[in-house]
Protein backbone atom coordinates (compact mmCIF):
# COMPACT_ATOMS: atom_id res chain seq x y z
CA MET A 1 0.00 0.00 0.00
CA PRO A 2 1.53 3.36 -0.99
CA LYS A 3 2.33 5.87 1.71
CA GLN A 4 0.25 9.02 1.52
CA SER A 5 2.37 11.82 0.05
CA GLU A 6 2.55 15.41 1.23
CA PHE A 7 0.64 16.31 -1.95
CA VAL A 8 -2.25 14.00 -1.05
CA GLU A 9 -2.27 15.35 2.51
CA TYR A 10 -2.35 18.91 1.10
CA LEU A 11 -5.31 18.03 -1.13
CA VAL A 12 -7.30 16.41 1.66
CA GLU A 13 -6.67 19.38 3.96
CA SER A 14 -7.46 21.94 1.24
CA LEU A 15 -10.72 20.22 0.30
CA GLN A 16 -12.24 20.13 3.78
CA GLY A 17 -14.47 23.04 2.71
CA LEU A 18 -16.51 20.44 0.81
CA GLY A 19 -16.98 18.23 3.85
CA ARG A 20 -15.03 15.29 5.28
CA VAL A 21 -12.78 14.54 2.30
CA ARG A 22 -10.44 11.57 2.63
CA ALA A 23 -7.91 9.69 0.53
CA ARG A 24 -7.83 5.93 0.08
CA ALA A 25 -4.91 4.01 -1.44
CA MET A 26 -5.71 2.21 -4.68
CA PHE A 27 -3.72 0.77 -7.62
CA GLY A 28 -0.51 2.57 -6.71
CA GLY A 29 -2.30 5.90 -6.32
CA PHE A 30 -5.10 7.38 -4.22
CA GLY A 31 -8.80 7.92 -4.65
CA ILE A 32 -10.16 11.18 -3.22
CA TYR A 33 -13.58 10.69 -1.63
CA LEU A 34 -16.43 12.70 -0.17
CA ASN A 35 -19.37 10.81 1.36
CA ASP A 36 -17.95 7.53 0.03
CA ARG A 37 -18.12 8.87 -3.54
CA MET A 38 -14.81 9.04 -5.42
CA PHE A 39 -14.40 12.29 -7.33
CA GLY A 40 -10.62 12.56 -7.59
CA LEU A 41 -7.69 10.37 -8.45
CA VAL A 42 -4.05 11.02 -7.56
CA VAL A 43 -1.38 9.22 -9.55
CA ASN A 44 2.30 10.19 -9.31
CA ASP A 45 1.31 13.31 -7.36
CA GLU A 46 -0.99 14.52 -10.14
CA LEU A 47 -4.65 15.22 -9.40
CA PHE A 48 -7.30 14.08 -11.86
CA LEU A 49 -10.95 15.04 -11.33
CA LYS A 50 -14.13 13.20 -12.32
CA THR A 51 -15.86 14.60 -15.40
CA ASP A 52 -19.11 14.12 -17.25
CA MET A 53 -20.85 15.79 -20.18
CA GLN A 54 -22.15 18.63 -17.99
CA ILE A 55 -18.72 19.81 -16.86
CA GLU A 56 -16.49 18.62 -19.70
CA VAL A 57 -16.47 22.14 -21.17
CA TYR A 58 -14.47 23.50 -18.20
CA PHE A 59 -11.72 20.94 -18.86
CA ASP A 60 -11.91 21.42 -22.64
CA GLU A 61 -11.38 25.20 -22.31
CA LEU A 62 -8.04 24.55 -20.63
CA GLU A 63 -7.20 21.52 -22.80
CA LEU A 64 -6.65 19.40 -19.71
CA PRO A 65 -5.68 15.80 -20.53
CA TYR A 66 -7.58 12.67 -19.57
CA PHE A 67 -6.21 10.10 -17.19
CA GLY A 68 -5.52 6.93 -19.09
CA TYR A 69 -3.65 3.68 -18.91
CA GLU A 70 -2.40 0.89 -21.14
CA LYS A 71 -4.28 -2.40 -21.31
CA GLN A 72 -3.51 -5.17 -23.78
CA GLY A 73 -1.59 -2.77 -26.00
CA ARG A 74 -4.39 -0.18 -26.12
CA ARG A 75 -4.57 3.21 -24.45
CA LEU A 76 -7.78 3.55 -22.45
CA LYS A 77 -9.01 6.88 -21.11
CA MET A 78 -11.16 7.29 -18.04
CA SER A 79 -13.68 9.97 -17.14
CA TYR A 80 -11.03 11.78 -15.07
CA ARG A 81 -9.04 14.76 -16.29
CA ARG A 82 -6.05 16.58 -14.87
CA ALA A 83 -6.87 19.41 -12.50
CA PRO A 84 -5.69 22.85 -13.61
CA GLU A 85 -2.36 23.98 -12.16
CA SER A 86 -3.93 27.24 -10.97
CA ALA A 87 -6.35 25.29 -8.75
CA LEU A 88 -3.49 23.46 -7.06
CA ASP A 89 -2.10 26.83 -5.90
CA ASP A 90 -5.45 28.29 -4.82
CA PRO A 91 -7.52 26.33 -2.27
CA ASP A 92 -10.72 28.26 -3.11
CA GLU A 93 -10.37 27.44 -6.81
CA LEU A 94 -9.50 23.84 -5.94
CA VAL A 95 -12.72 23.50 -3.91
CA GLU A 96 -14.71 24.96 -6.83
CA TRP A 97 -13.29 22.43 -9.30
CA ALA A 98 -13.66 19.58 -6.82
CA ALA A 99 -17.30 20.50 -6.11
CA ARG A 100 -18.11 20.23 -9.84
CA SER A 101 -16.35 16.87 -9.99
CA TYR A 102 -18.15 15.58 -6.92
CA GLN A 103 -21.46 16.54 -8.56
CA ALA A 104 -20.37 14.65 -11.70
CA ALA A 105 -19.59 11.62 -9.53
CA GLN A 106 -23.02 11.90 -7.94
CA ARG A 107 -24.69 12.08 -11.37
CA SER A 108 -22.74 9.05 -12.61
CA ARG A 109 -24.06 7.04 -9.68
CA LEU A 110 -27.60 7.75 -10.87
CA GLN A 111 -26.95 6.61 -14.46
CA PRO A 112 -28.24 3.16 -15.44
CA SER A 113 -25.52 0.57 -15.99
């Protein structure tokens, strides 16, 4: 299990304005959770936030890349995109981006499988 980095600790502390945010180790990185709903993913000290069609435009405007991984020789992308650098330096902006992503995570829970 990976040890929580200073970056992950900073994120969890900075996001307490949303509620009781916590990090949980997973697959060599960390999931960022609020109310048992994952809305963020930290891999190699980079934050990726949950997206959906309603908030994709915010990420598109800044050309923020998707989180992806290799599987059986193919590159797969997930519905998580890198958080803007400016938000990592500004806790208020970070909370704003995270709130949108949490709402996207909530909406995805309501979608039929």
